[in-house]
Amino acid sequence: MRKIEYIWKSLLNQALEKREFSFRQQDLAKQLGLSSSTVNLAMSPLRQMGAVRIGKRVSEIVDPEKILYHWANHHRLQPVNSVRVNLPILQIEGLLPDGSIPTAYTAVRERFGEPPADYDKVYVYHPHPQAIIDRFTAEITSGPPNLFILLPDPLLKSLSLSHLFVDLWNLPDWYAKDFVNFVKSKFNELLP
């Protein structure tokens, strides 16, 4: 994930989870360990589209939904490894090693229960991708991948609803749209 995405993610988490809509750019830079020029760069398109209002001292999140779609359109899922595991999807999910942060379809099922559609792929963040490969070595076969391993960004401790949405937004599977719509409905419940 690019550094400017940390800023968009932080703004969304602040607005949706903490219900705080004012922020200071200097505080954001310090909190994320980024330069003020990087924060300013990330704010520029948000300001132009009316998603944030930048003040001299305090700025304001005006439209979290615009920030969400802007981030979703700039985010790229880049698996560092993908393999075919000859096990049922639920079994793959259950065997993921400690330190795994599931995203996409698995995260929706784990967070909300019954998923909006059937799925046949697992996407997971893990700081040590080889740990996942080692876990499934005996079951790896040839064929289209069904397990995709992503490196987490340094700040990822758990998956926020907005992060889940942008990950789903970037998947090409035909059933991804059902999941996107489902998560968007949950996102809408949090909007002011």
N, C-alpha and C. Protein backbone atom coordinates (compact mmCIF):
# COMPACT_ATOMS: atom_id res chain seq x y z
N MET A 1 0.84 -1.17 0.00
CA MET A 1 0.00 0.00 0.00
C MET A 1 0.89 1.24 0.00
N ARG A 2 0.53 2.21 -0.80
CA ARG A 2 1.31 3.44 -0.88
C ARG A 2 1.05 4.32 0.35
N LYS A 3 2.00 5.18 0.66
CA LYS A 3 1.90 6.00 1.87
C LYS A 3 0.67 6.90 1.88
N ILE A 4 0.28 7.43 0.72
CA ILE A 4 -0.89 8.31 0.72
C ILE A 4 -2.16 7.54 1.06
N GLU A 5 -2.15 6.23 0.81
CA GLU A 5 -3.31 5.42 1.17
C GLU A 5 -3.47 5.31 2.68
N TYR A 6 -2.36 5.35 3.42
CA TYR A 6 -2.43 5.33 4.89
C TYR A 6 -3.26 6.51 5.39
N ILE A 7 -3.09 7.64 4.71
CA ILE A 7 -3.78 8.86 5.12
C ILE A 7 -5.28 8.72 4.87
N TRP A 8 -5.65 8.26 3.68
CA TRP A 8 -7.07 8.09 3.36
C TRP A 8 -7.71 7.08 4.31
N LYS A 9 -6.99 6.00 4.57
CA LYS A 9 -7.50 4.98 5.49
C LYS A 9 -7.68 5.55 6.90
N SER A 10 -6.71 6.33 7.35
CA SER A 10 -6.79 6.92 8.68
C SER A 10 -7.97 7.88 8.80
N LEU A 11 -8.20 8.69 7.78
CA LEU A 11 -9.34 9.62 7.80
C LEU A 11 -10.66 8.86 7.87
N LEU A 12 -10.78 7.79 7.08
CA LEU A 12 -12.01 6.99 7.10
C LEU A 12 -12.22 6.34 8.46
N ASN A 13 -11.17 5.76 9.01
CA ASN A 13 -11.29 5.12 10.32
C ASN A 13 -11.68 6.13 11.39
N GLN A 14 -11.09 7.31 11.32
CA GLN A 14 -11.40 8.36 12.29
C GLN A 14 -12.87 8.76 12.19
N ALA A 15 -13.36 8.94 10.96
CA ALA A 15 -14.75 9.38 10.77
C ALA A 15 -15.76 8.30 11.11
N LEU A 16 -15.48 7.07 10.68
CA LEU A 16 -16.48 6.00 10.82
C LEU A 16 -16.44 5.30 12.17
N GLU A 17 -15.25 5.08 12.69
CA GLU A 17 -15.14 4.31 13.92
C GLU A 17 -15.10 5.18 15.17
N LYS A 18 -14.48 6.37 15.05
CA LYS A 18 -14.38 7.25 16.22
C LYS A 18 -15.39 8.39 16.17
N ARG A 19 -16.04 8.56 15.01
CA ARG A 19 -17.03 9.62 14.81
C ARG A 19 -16.41 11.00 15.01
N GLU A 20 -15.14 11.14 14.66
CA GLU A 20 -14.44 12.42 14.74
C GLU A 20 -14.19 12.91 13.32
N PHE A 21 -14.65 14.10 13.02
CA PHE A 21 -14.57 14.61 11.65
C PHE A 21 -13.58 15.76 11.49
N SER A 22 -13.03 16.26 12.59
CA SER A 22 -12.01 17.30 12.46
C SER A 22 -10.64 16.68 12.69
N PHE A 23 -9.64 17.26 12.03
CA PHE A 23 -8.27 16.74 12.15
C PHE A 23 -7.29 17.86 11.85
N ARG A 24 -6.07 17.64 12.29
CA ARG A 24 -4.98 18.56 11.97
C ARG A 24 -3.98 17.79 11.12
N GLN A 25 -3.58 18.39 10.01
CA GLN A 25 -2.66 17.69 9.11
C GLN A 25 -1.34 17.35 9.80
N GLN A 26 -0.86 18.25 10.66
CA GLN A 26 0.40 17.99 11.37
C GLN A 26 0.27 16.77 12.29
N ASP A 27 -0.87 16.66 12.96
CA ASP A 27 -1.10 15.51 13.85
C ASP A 27 -1.17 14.21 13.05
N LEU A 28 -1.82 14.28 11.88
CA LEU A 28 -1.93 13.11 11.02
C LEU A 28 -0.55 12.65 10.55
N ALA A 29 0.28 13.60 10.16
CA ALA A 29 1.64 13.27 9.72
C ALA A 29 2.44 12.62 10.84
N LYS A 30 2.33 13.18 12.03
CA LYS A 30 3.06 12.64 13.19
C LYS A 30 2.56 11.24 13.56
N GLN A 31 1.25 11.08 13.59
CA GLN A 31 0.64 9.80 13.95
C GLN A 31 1.04 8.68 12.99
N LEU A 32 1.13 9.01 11.69
CA LEU A 32 1.44 7.99 10.69
C LEU A 32 2.93 7.91 10.35
N GLY A 33 3.72 8.79 10.93
CA GLY A 33 5.16 8.79 10.65
C GLY A 33 5.47 9.21 9.23
N LEU A 34 4.68 10.17 8.72
CA LEU A 34 4.86 10.64 7.34
C LEU A 34 5.21 12.12 7.34
N SER A 35 5.75 12.58 6.23
CA SER A 35 6.08 14.00 6.12
C SER A 35 4.81 14.81 5.89
N SER A 36 4.86 16.06 6.25
CA SER A 36 3.69 16.93 6.03
C SER A 36 3.43 17.12 4.54
N SER A 37 4.48 17.03 3.71
CA SER A 37 4.28 17.15 2.26
C SER A 37 3.51 15.94 1.71
N THR A 38 3.72 14.75 2.29
CA THR A 38 2.97 13.56 1.87
C THR A 38 1.50 13.71 2.25
N VAL A 39 1.26 14.21 3.45
CA VAL A 39 -0.12 14.44 3.89
C VAL A 39 -0.79 15.47 2.99
N ASN A 40 -0.07 16.54 2.67
CA ASN A 40 -0.62 17.57 1.80
C ASN A 40 -0.93 17.00 0.41
N LEU A 41 -0.07 16.15 -0.10
CA LEU A 41 -0.29 15.50 -1.40
C LEU A 41 -1.56 14.65 -1.38
N ALA A 42 -1.76 13.91 -0.29
CA ALA A 42 -2.94 13.05 -0.16
C ALA A 42 -4.22 13.88 -0.03
N MET A 43 -4.12 15.07 0.54
CA MET A 43 -5.30 15.93 0.73
C MET A 43 -5.73 16.63 -0.55
N SER A 44 -4.81 16.86 -1.45
CA SER A 44 -5.10 17.65 -2.64
C SER A 44 -6.31 17.13 -3.43
N PRO A 45 -6.35 15.85 -3.84
CA PRO A 45 -7.53 15.39 -4.59
C PRO A 45 -8.80 15.37 -3.73
N LEU A 46 -8.64 15.10 -2.43
CA LEU A 46 -9.80 15.08 -1.54
C LEU A 46 -10.40 16.48 -1.40
N ARG A 47 -9.53 17.47 -1.33
CA ARG A 47 -10.00 18.86 -1.24
C ARG A 47 -10.69 19.26 -2.55
N GLN A 48 -10.11 18.88 -3.69
CA GLN A 48 -10.68 19.25 -4.99
C GLN A 48 -12.07 18.66 -5.20
N MET A 49 -12.32 17.46 -4.68
CA MET A 49 -13.63 16.83 -4.88
C MET A 49 -14.61 17.14 -3.75
N GLY A 50 -14.18 17.93 -2.77
CA GLY A 50 -15.07 18.33 -1.69
C GLY A 50 -15.24 17.29 -0.60
N ALA A 51 -14.30 16.36 -0.50
CA ALA A 51 -14.37 15.33 0.54
C ALA A 51 -13.83 15.83 1.88
N VAL A 52 -12.91 16.79 1.82
CA VAL A 52 -12.38 17.42 3.04
C VAL A 52 -12.35 18.93 2.85
N ARG A 53 -12.39 19.63 3.96
CA ARG A 53 -12.25 21.08 3.96
C ARG A 53 -11.00 21.38 4.78
N ILE A 54 -10.03 22.00 4.13
CA ILE A 54 -8.75 22.28 4.78
C ILE A 54 -8.76 23.69 5.36
N GLY A 55 -8.54 23.78 6.67
CA GLY A 55 -8.46 25.07 7.36
C GLY A 55 -7.03 25.38 7.74
N LYS A 56 -6.81 26.60 8.24
CA LYS A 56 -5.46 27.00 8.64
C LYS A 56 -4.97 26.20 9.83
N ARG A 57 -5.85 25.94 10.78
CA ARG A 57 -5.45 25.18 11.97
C ARG A 57 -6.10 23.79 12.00
N VAL A 58 -7.39 23.77 11.77
CA VAL A 58 -8.13 22.51 11.84
C VAL A 58 -8.82 22.26 10.51
N SER A 59 -8.80 21.01 10.07
CA SER A 59 -9.46 20.61 8.83
C SER A 59 -10.63 19.70 9.18
N GLU A 60 -11.47 19.44 8.19
CA GLU A 60 -12.69 18.68 8.45
C GLU A 60 -12.97 17.66 7.35
N ILE A 61 -13.40 16.47 7.77
CA ILE A 61 -13.86 15.45 6.83
C ILE A 61 -15.31 15.78 6.51
N VAL A 62 -15.59 16.06 5.25
CA VAL A 62 -16.92 16.48 4.82
C VAL A 62 -17.73 15.31 4.25
N ASP A 63 -17.07 14.44 3.46
CA ASP A 63 -17.77 13.36 2.77
C ASP A 63 -16.93 12.07 2.79
N PRO A 64 -17.10 11.23 3.83
CA PRO A 64 -16.32 9.99 3.92
C PRO A 64 -16.52 9.06 2.71
N GLU A 65 -17.71 9.07 2.14
CA GLU A 65 -17.98 8.19 1.00
C GLU A 65 -17.09 8.54 -0.20
N LYS A 66 -16.86 9.82 -0.43
CA LYS A 66 -15.97 10.22 -1.52
C LYS A 66 -14.54 9.74 -1.26
N ILE A 67 -14.13 9.83 0.00
CA ILE A 67 -12.79 9.34 0.35
C ILE A 67 -12.70 7.83 0.09
N LEU A 68 -13.74 7.11 0.48
CA LEU A 68 -13.77 5.66 0.28
C LEU A 68 -13.61 5.29 -1.19
N TYR A 69 -14.39 5.90 -2.06
CA TYR A 69 -14.31 5.56 -3.48
C TYR A 69 -13.01 6.03 -4.11
N HIS A 70 -12.49 7.16 -3.64
CA HIS A 70 -11.20 7.62 -4.15
C HIS A 70 -10.11 6.61 -3.80
N TRP A 71 -10.10 6.18 -2.54
CA TRP A 71 -9.10 5.19 -2.12
C TRP A 71 -9.29 3.89 -2.89
N ALA A 72 -10.53 3.44 -3.02
CA ALA A 72 -10.80 2.18 -3.72
C ALA A 72 -10.27 2.21 -5.16
N ASN A 73 -10.40 3.35 -5.81
CA ASN A 73 -9.95 3.46 -7.20
C ASN A 73 -8.44 3.56 -7.34
N HIS A 74 -7.75 3.88 -6.25
CA HIS A 74 -6.29 3.99 -6.30
C HIS A 74 -5.56 2.79 -5.66
N HIS A 75 -6.29 2.00 -4.95
CA HIS A 75 -5.71 0.84 -4.23
C HIS A 75 -5.45 -0.31 -5.21
N ARG A 76 -4.40 -1.04 -5.00
CA ARG A 76 -4.09 -2.22 -5.82
C ARG A 76 -3.73 -3.38 -4.90
N LEU A 77 -4.45 -4.49 -5.07
CA LEU A 77 -4.09 -5.70 -4.35
C LEU A 77 -2.94 -6.36 -5.11
N GLN A 78 -1.85 -6.60 -4.42
CA GLN A 78 -0.69 -7.18 -5.06
C GLN A 78 -0.20 -8.40 -4.28
N PRO A 79 -0.78 -9.57 -4.57
CA PRO A 79 -0.32 -10.77 -3.86
C PRO A 79 1.17 -11.02 -4.12
N VAL A 80 1.87 -11.43 -3.06
CA VAL A 80 3.28 -11.78 -3.22
C VAL A 80 3.41 -13.25 -3.59
N ASN A 81 2.33 -14.00 -3.37
CA ASN A 81 2.31 -15.41 -3.75
C ASN A 81 0.86 -15.85 -3.92
N SER A 82 0.64 -16.77 -4.82
CA SER A 82 -0.68 -17.36 -5.00
C SER A 82 -0.49 -18.82 -5.40
N VAL A 83 -1.27 -19.69 -4.77
CA VAL A 83 -1.14 -21.13 -5.00
C VAL A 83 -2.52 -21.78 -5.04
N ARG A 84 -2.53 -22.97 -5.57
CA ARG A 84 -3.74 -23.80 -5.55
C ARG A 84 -3.60 -24.79 -4.40
N VAL A 85 -4.52 -24.74 -3.46
CA VAL A 85 -4.53 -25.65 -2.32
C VAL A 85 -5.70 -26.60 -2.50
N ASN A 86 -5.42 -27.88 -2.47
CA ASN A 86 -6.42 -28.90 -2.71
C ASN A 86 -7.19 -29.24 -1.43
N LEU A 87 -7.87 -28.23 -0.90
CA LEU A 87 -8.70 -28.39 0.30
C LEU A 87 -9.94 -27.51 0.12
N PRO A 88 -11.03 -27.84 0.81
CA PRO A 88 -12.19 -26.94 0.78
C PRO A 88 -11.83 -25.57 1.36
N ILE A 89 -12.49 -24.54 0.87
CA ILE A 89 -12.19 -23.16 1.27
C ILE A 89 -12.27 -22.98 2.79
N LEU A 90 -13.32 -23.50 3.42
CA LEU A 90 -13.45 -23.34 4.87
C LEU A 90 -12.29 -24.00 5.62
N GLN A 91 -11.79 -25.09 5.08
CA GLN A 91 -10.66 -25.75 5.72
C GLN A 91 -9.38 -24.92 5.55
N ILE A 92 -9.20 -24.35 4.37
CA ILE A 92 -8.05 -23.46 4.15
C ILE A 92 -8.10 -22.31 5.16
N GLU A 93 -9.28 -21.69 5.28
CA GLU A 93 -9.43 -20.57 6.22
C GLU A 93 -9.12 -21.00 7.65
N GLY A 94 -9.55 -22.18 8.03
CA GLY A 94 -9.33 -22.66 9.39
C GLY A 94 -7.89 -23.02 9.69
N LEU A 95 -7.11 -23.29 8.65
CA LEU A 95 -5.71 -23.68 8.83
C LEU A 95 -4.72 -22.53 8.68
N LEU A 96 -5.21 -21.33 8.46
CA LEU A 96 -4.29 -20.19 8.32
C LEU A 96 -3.48 -20.02 9.61
N PRO A 97 -2.19 -19.80 9.50
CA PRO A 97 -1.34 -19.69 10.71
C PRO A 97 -1.58 -18.40 11.49
N ASP A 98 -1.10 -18.38 12.72
CA ASP A 98 -1.18 -17.17 13.56
C ASP A 98 -0.54 -16.01 12.81
N GLY A 99 -1.06 -14.84 13.05
CA GLY A 99 -0.54 -13.65 12.38
C GLY A 99 -1.24 -13.35 11.06
N SER A 100 -2.14 -14.23 10.65
CA SER A 100 -2.88 -14.02 9.40
C SER A 100 -4.02 -13.02 9.62
N ILE A 101 -4.21 -12.14 8.66
CA ILE A 101 -5.33 -11.21 8.68
C ILE A 101 -6.11 -11.44 7.38
N PRO A 102 -7.16 -12.24 7.45
CA PRO A 102 -7.95 -12.49 6.24
C PRO A 102 -8.62 -11.22 5.75
N THR A 103 -8.77 -11.12 4.44
CA THR A 103 -9.50 -10.02 3.84
C THR A 103 -10.47 -10.59 2.81
N ALA A 104 -11.14 -9.73 2.10
CA ALA A 104 -12.08 -10.09 1.03
C ALA A 104 -13.18 -11.01 1.54
N TYR A 105 -13.39 -12.09 0.84
CA TYR A 105 -14.54 -12.97 1.09
C TYR A 105 -14.49 -13.60 2.49
N THR A 106 -13.32 -14.06 2.88
CA THR A 106 -13.15 -14.68 4.19
C THR A 106 -13.47 -13.69 5.30
N ALA A 107 -12.98 -12.46 5.16
CA ALA A 107 -13.22 -11.44 6.18
C ALA A 107 -14.70 -11.11 6.31
N VAL A 108 -15.42 -11.09 5.20
CA VAL A 108 -16.86 -10.84 5.26
C VAL A 108 -17.55 -11.97 6.01
N ARG A 109 -17.20 -13.21 5.68
CA ARG A 109 -17.82 -14.36 6.36
C ARG A 109 -17.51 -14.34 7.85
N GLU A 110 -16.25 -14.08 8.20
CA GLU A 110 -15.86 -14.08 9.62
C GLU A 110 -16.50 -12.93 10.39
N ARG A 111 -16.65 -11.80 9.76
CA ARG A 111 -17.16 -10.62 10.45
C ARG A 111 -18.68 -10.56 10.53
N PHE A 112 -19.35 -11.06 9.47
CA PHE A 112 -20.80 -10.89 9.39
C PHE A 112 -21.59 -12.20 9.34
N GLY A 113 -20.91 -13.33 9.33
CA GLY A 113 -21.63 -14.61 9.26
C GLY A 113 -21.83 -15.04 7.82
N GLU A 114 -23.04 -15.38 7.48
CA GLU A 114 -23.35 -15.89 6.14
C GLU A 114 -22.95 -14.88 5.06
N PRO A 115 -22.08 -15.28 4.12
CA PRO A 115 -21.67 -14.35 3.07
C PRO A 115 -22.79 -14.15 2.04
N PRO A 116 -22.74 -13.06 1.28
CA PRO A 116 -23.79 -12.78 0.31
C PRO A 116 -23.75 -13.68 -0.93
N ALA A 117 -22.66 -14.42 -1.12
CA ALA A 117 -22.53 -15.33 -2.27
C ALA A 117 -21.50 -16.40 -1.93
N ASP A 118 -21.54 -17.49 -2.67
CA ASP A 118 -20.50 -18.51 -2.53
C ASP A 118 -19.19 -17.95 -3.10
N TYR A 119 -18.07 -18.45 -2.60
CA TYR A 119 -16.78 -17.99 -3.09
C TYR A 119 -15.80 -19.16 -3.07
N ASP A 120 -14.74 -19.05 -3.87
CA ASP A 120 -13.78 -20.14 -3.97
C ASP A 120 -12.33 -19.67 -3.89
N LYS A 121 -12.11 -18.50 -3.25
CA LYS A 121 -10.76 -17.97 -3.11
C LYS A 121 -10.58 -17.39 -1.71
N VAL A 122 -9.36 -17.49 -1.21
CA VAL A 122 -8.99 -16.93 0.09
C VAL A 122 -7.88 -15.91 -0.13
N TYR A 123 -8.08 -14.71 0.40
CA TYR A 123 -7.07 -13.65 0.38
C TYR A 123 -6.68 -13.37 1.82
N VAL A 124 -5.38 -13.31 2.06
CA VAL A 124 -4.92 -13.15 3.44
C VAL A 124 -3.64 -12.32 3.49
N TYR A 125 -3.59 -11.40 4.47
CA TYR A 125 -2.37 -10.66 4.76
C TYR A 125 -1.57 -11.46 5.77
N HIS A 126 -0.27 -11.53 5.55
CA HIS A 126 0.61 -12.17 6.52
C HIS A 126 2.01 -11.59 6.36
N PRO A 127 2.68 -11.24 7.48
CA PRO A 127 4.01 -10.63 7.38
C PRO A 127 5.08 -11.61 6.90
N HIS A 128 4.80 -12.91 7.00
CA HIS A 128 5.76 -13.93 6.57
C HIS A 128 5.05 -14.91 5.62
N PRO A 129 4.94 -14.56 4.34
CA PRO A 129 4.21 -15.39 3.39
C PRO A 129 4.65 -16.86 3.37
N GLN A 130 5.92 -17.09 3.62
CA GLN A 130 6.41 -18.47 3.60
C GLN A 130 5.76 -19.32 4.68
N ALA A 131 5.35 -18.71 5.78
CA ALA A 131 4.66 -19.45 6.84
C ALA A 131 3.36 -20.05 6.32
N ILE A 132 2.68 -19.34 5.45
CA ILE A 132 1.43 -19.86 4.88
C ILE A 132 1.75 -20.96 3.87
N ILE A 133 2.73 -20.73 3.03
CA ILE A 133 3.12 -21.76 2.05
C ILE A 133 3.54 -23.03 2.78
N ASP A 134 4.33 -22.89 3.84
CA ASP A 134 4.77 -24.06 4.62
C ASP A 134 3.59 -24.80 5.22
N ARG A 135 2.57 -24.08 5.65
CA ARG A 135 1.39 -24.69 6.27
C ARG A 135 0.66 -25.60 5.27
N PHE A 136 0.67 -25.23 3.99
CA PHE A 136 -0.11 -25.95 2.98
C PHE A 136 0.73 -26.73 1.97
N THR A 137 2.02 -26.87 2.21
CA THR A 137 2.91 -27.51 1.24
C THR A 137 2.38 -28.85 0.73
N ALA A 138 1.90 -29.69 1.62
CA ALA A 138 1.45 -31.03 1.21
C ALA A 138 0.19 -30.98 0.35
N GLU A 139 -0.55 -29.89 0.39
CA GLU A 139 -1.83 -29.78 -0.34
C GLU A 139 -1.75 -28.89 -1.58
N ILE A 140 -0.57 -28.33 -1.87
CA ILE A 140 -0.45 -27.46 -3.04
C ILE A 140 -0.40 -28.31 -4.30
N THR A 141 -1.26 -27.94 -5.26
CA THR A 141 -1.34 -28.65 -6.53
C THR A 141 -1.28 -27.64 -7.67
N SER A 142 -1.27 -28.15 -8.89
CA SER A 142 -1.32 -27.25 -10.03
C SER A 142 -2.77 -26.87 -10.29
N GLY A 143 -2.96 -25.77 -10.98
CA GLY A 143 -4.30 -25.29 -11.28
C GLY A 143 -4.45 -23.84 -10.92
N PRO A 144 -5.63 -23.29 -11.19
CA PRO A 144 -5.85 -21.88 -10.87
C PRO A 144 -5.70 -21.64 -9.37
N PRO A 145 -5.03 -20.57 -8.97
CA PRO A 145 -4.84 -20.30 -7.54
C PRO A 145 -6.15 -20.07 -6.80
N ASN A 146 -6.18 -20.52 -5.56
CA ASN A 146 -7.33 -20.25 -4.70
C ASN A 146 -6.91 -19.68 -3.34
N LEU A 147 -5.59 -19.48 -3.16
CA LEU A 147 -5.06 -18.86 -1.95
C LEU A 147 -4.08 -17.77 -2.37
N PHE A 148 -4.38 -16.53 -1.97
CA PHE A 148 -3.60 -15.38 -2.36
C PHE A 148 -3.03 -14.73 -1.10
N ILE A 149 -1.70 -14.59 -1.07
CA ILE A 149 -1.02 -14.07 0.12
C ILE A 149 -0.54 -12.65 -0.17
N LEU A 150 -0.92 -11.74 0.73
CA LEU A 150 -0.58 -10.32 0.60
C LEU A 150 0.29 -9.89 1.77
N LEU A 151 1.23 -8.99 1.53
CA LEU A 151 2.02 -8.44 2.63
C LEU A 151 1.23 -7.31 3.28
N PRO A 152 1.12 -7.31 4.61
CA PRO A 152 0.41 -6.21 5.27
C PRO A 152 1.28 -4.96 5.30
N ASP A 153 0.64 -3.80 5.33
CA ASP A 153 1.41 -2.58 5.53
C ASP A 153 1.84 -2.55 6.99
N PRO A 154 2.85 -1.77 7.33
CA PRO A 154 3.38 -1.77 8.70
C PRO A 154 2.36 -1.36 9.76
N LEU A 155 1.30 -0.66 9.37
CA LEU A 155 0.31 -0.18 10.34
C LEU A 155 -0.90 -1.10 10.46
N LEU A 156 -0.95 -2.17 9.67
CA LEU A 156 -2.12 -3.04 9.67
C LEU A 156 -2.09 -4.01 10.86
N LYS A 157 -3.00 -3.78 11.79
CA LYS A 157 -3.15 -4.66 12.95
C LYS A 157 -4.44 -5.47 12.84
N SER A 158 -5.47 -4.82 12.31
CA SER A 158 -6.74 -5.49 12.04
C SER A 158 -7.36 -4.79 10.83
N LEU A 159 -8.32 -5.43 10.22
CA LEU A 159 -8.90 -4.93 9.00
C LEU A 159 -10.14 -4.09 9.29
N SER A 160 -10.09 -2.81 8.92
CA SER A 160 -11.25 -1.94 9.09
C SER A 160 -12.26 -2.22 7.98
N LEU A 161 -13.47 -1.77 8.17
CA LEU A 161 -14.52 -1.95 7.17
C LEU A 161 -14.14 -1.25 5.86
N SER A 162 -13.56 -0.08 5.95
CA SER A 162 -13.16 0.63 4.73
C SER A 162 -12.05 -0.10 3.99
N HIS A 163 -11.10 -0.67 4.72
CA HIS A 163 -10.02 -1.44 4.08
C HIS A 163 -10.59 -2.68 3.41
N LEU A 164 -11.52 -3.33 4.07
CA LEU A 164 -12.18 -4.50 3.49
C LEU A 164 -12.88 -4.11 2.19
N PHE A 165 -13.58 -2.99 2.20
CA PHE A 165 -14.28 -2.53 1.00
C PHE A 165 -13.31 -2.31 -0.16
N VAL A 166 -12.21 -1.60 0.08
CA VAL A 166 -11.30 -1.31 -1.03
C VAL A 166 -10.61 -2.56 -1.55
N ASP A 167 -10.35 -3.53 -0.68
CA ASP A 167 -9.80 -4.80 -1.15
C ASP A 167 -10.81 -5.51 -2.07
N LEU A 168 -12.05 -5.58 -1.63
CA LEU A 168 -13.09 -6.23 -2.44
C LEU A 168 -13.30 -5.50 -3.76
N TRP A 169 -13.28 -4.19 -3.73
CA TRP A 169 -13.49 -3.36 -4.91
C TRP A 169 -12.52 -3.75 -6.03
N ASN A 170 -11.33 -4.21 -5.65
CA ASN A 170 -10.27 -4.49 -6.63
C ASN A 170 -10.20 -5.94 -7.09
N LEU A 171 -11.17 -6.75 -6.73
CA LEU A 171 -11.15 -8.15 -7.14
C LEU A 171 -11.95 -8.35 -8.42
N PRO A 172 -11.45 -9.19 -9.33
CA PRO A 172 -12.10 -9.38 -10.62
C PRO A 172 -13.19 -10.47 -10.65
N ASP A 173 -13.33 -11.22 -9.57
CA ASP A 173 -14.27 -12.34 -9.57
C ASP A 173 -15.70 -11.86 -9.76
N TRP A 174 -16.49 -12.65 -10.45
CA TRP A 174 -17.87 -12.24 -10.75
C TRP A 174 -18.70 -12.03 -9.48
N TYR A 175 -18.39 -12.77 -8.43
CA TYR A 175 -19.16 -12.64 -7.19
C TYR A 175 -18.66 -11.52 -6.28
N ALA A 176 -17.56 -10.87 -6.65
CA ALA A 176 -17.01 -9.77 -5.84
C ALA A 176 -18.02 -8.63 -5.70
N LYS A 177 -18.80 -8.40 -6.75
CA LYS A 177 -19.77 -7.29 -6.71
C LYS A 177 -20.81 -7.51 -5.61
N ASP A 178 -21.24 -8.77 -5.40
CA ASP A 178 -22.18 -9.06 -4.31
C ASP A 178 -21.58 -8.70 -2.96
N PHE A 179 -20.30 -9.01 -2.79
CA PHE A 179 -19.61 -8.70 -1.54
C PHE A 179 -19.40 -7.19 -1.39
N VAL A 180 -19.05 -6.51 -2.47
CA VAL A 180 -18.87 -5.06 -2.44
C VAL A 180 -20.18 -4.39 -2.00
N ASN A 181 -21.28 -4.80 -2.62
CA ASN A 181 -22.58 -4.20 -2.27
C ASN A 181 -22.95 -4.47 -0.82
N PHE A 182 -22.65 -5.68 -0.35
CA PHE A 182 -22.95 -6.04 1.03
C PHE A 182 -22.15 -5.17 2.01
N VAL A 183 -20.84 -5.05 1.78
CA VAL A 183 -19.99 -4.25 2.66
C VAL A 183 -20.36 -2.77 2.56
N LYS A 184 -20.72 -2.32 1.37
CA LYS A 184 -21.13 -0.92 1.21
C LYS A 184 -22.39 -0.64 2.04
N SER A 185 -23.30 -1.60 2.12
CA SER A 185 -24.50 -1.40 2.94
C SER A 185 -24.12 -1.26 4.42
N LYS A 186 -23.11 -2.00 4.87
CA LYS A 186 -22.63 -1.88 6.25
C LYS A 186 -21.93 -0.53 6.46
N PHE A 187 -21.19 -0.10 5.44
CA PHE A 187 -20.52 1.20 5.47
C PHE A 187 -21.57 2.31 5.59
N ASN A 188 -22.64 2.20 4.80
CA ASN A 188 -23.70 3.22 4.81
C ASN A 188 -24.34 3.37 6.19
N GLU A 189 -24.42 2.27 6.94
CA GLU A 189 -24.98 2.33 8.28
C GLU A 189 -24.13 3.20 9.21
N LEU A 190 -22.85 3.35 8.90
CA LEU A 190 -21.94 4.14 9.73
C LEU A 190 -21.87 5.61 9.33
N LEU A 191 -22.38 5.93 8.14
CA LEU A 191 -22.30 7.31 7.66
C LEU A 191 -23.20 8.22 8.49
N PRO A 192 -22.76 9.48 8.67
CA PRO A 192 -23.58 10.42 9.45
C PRO A 192 -24.85 10.82 8.70
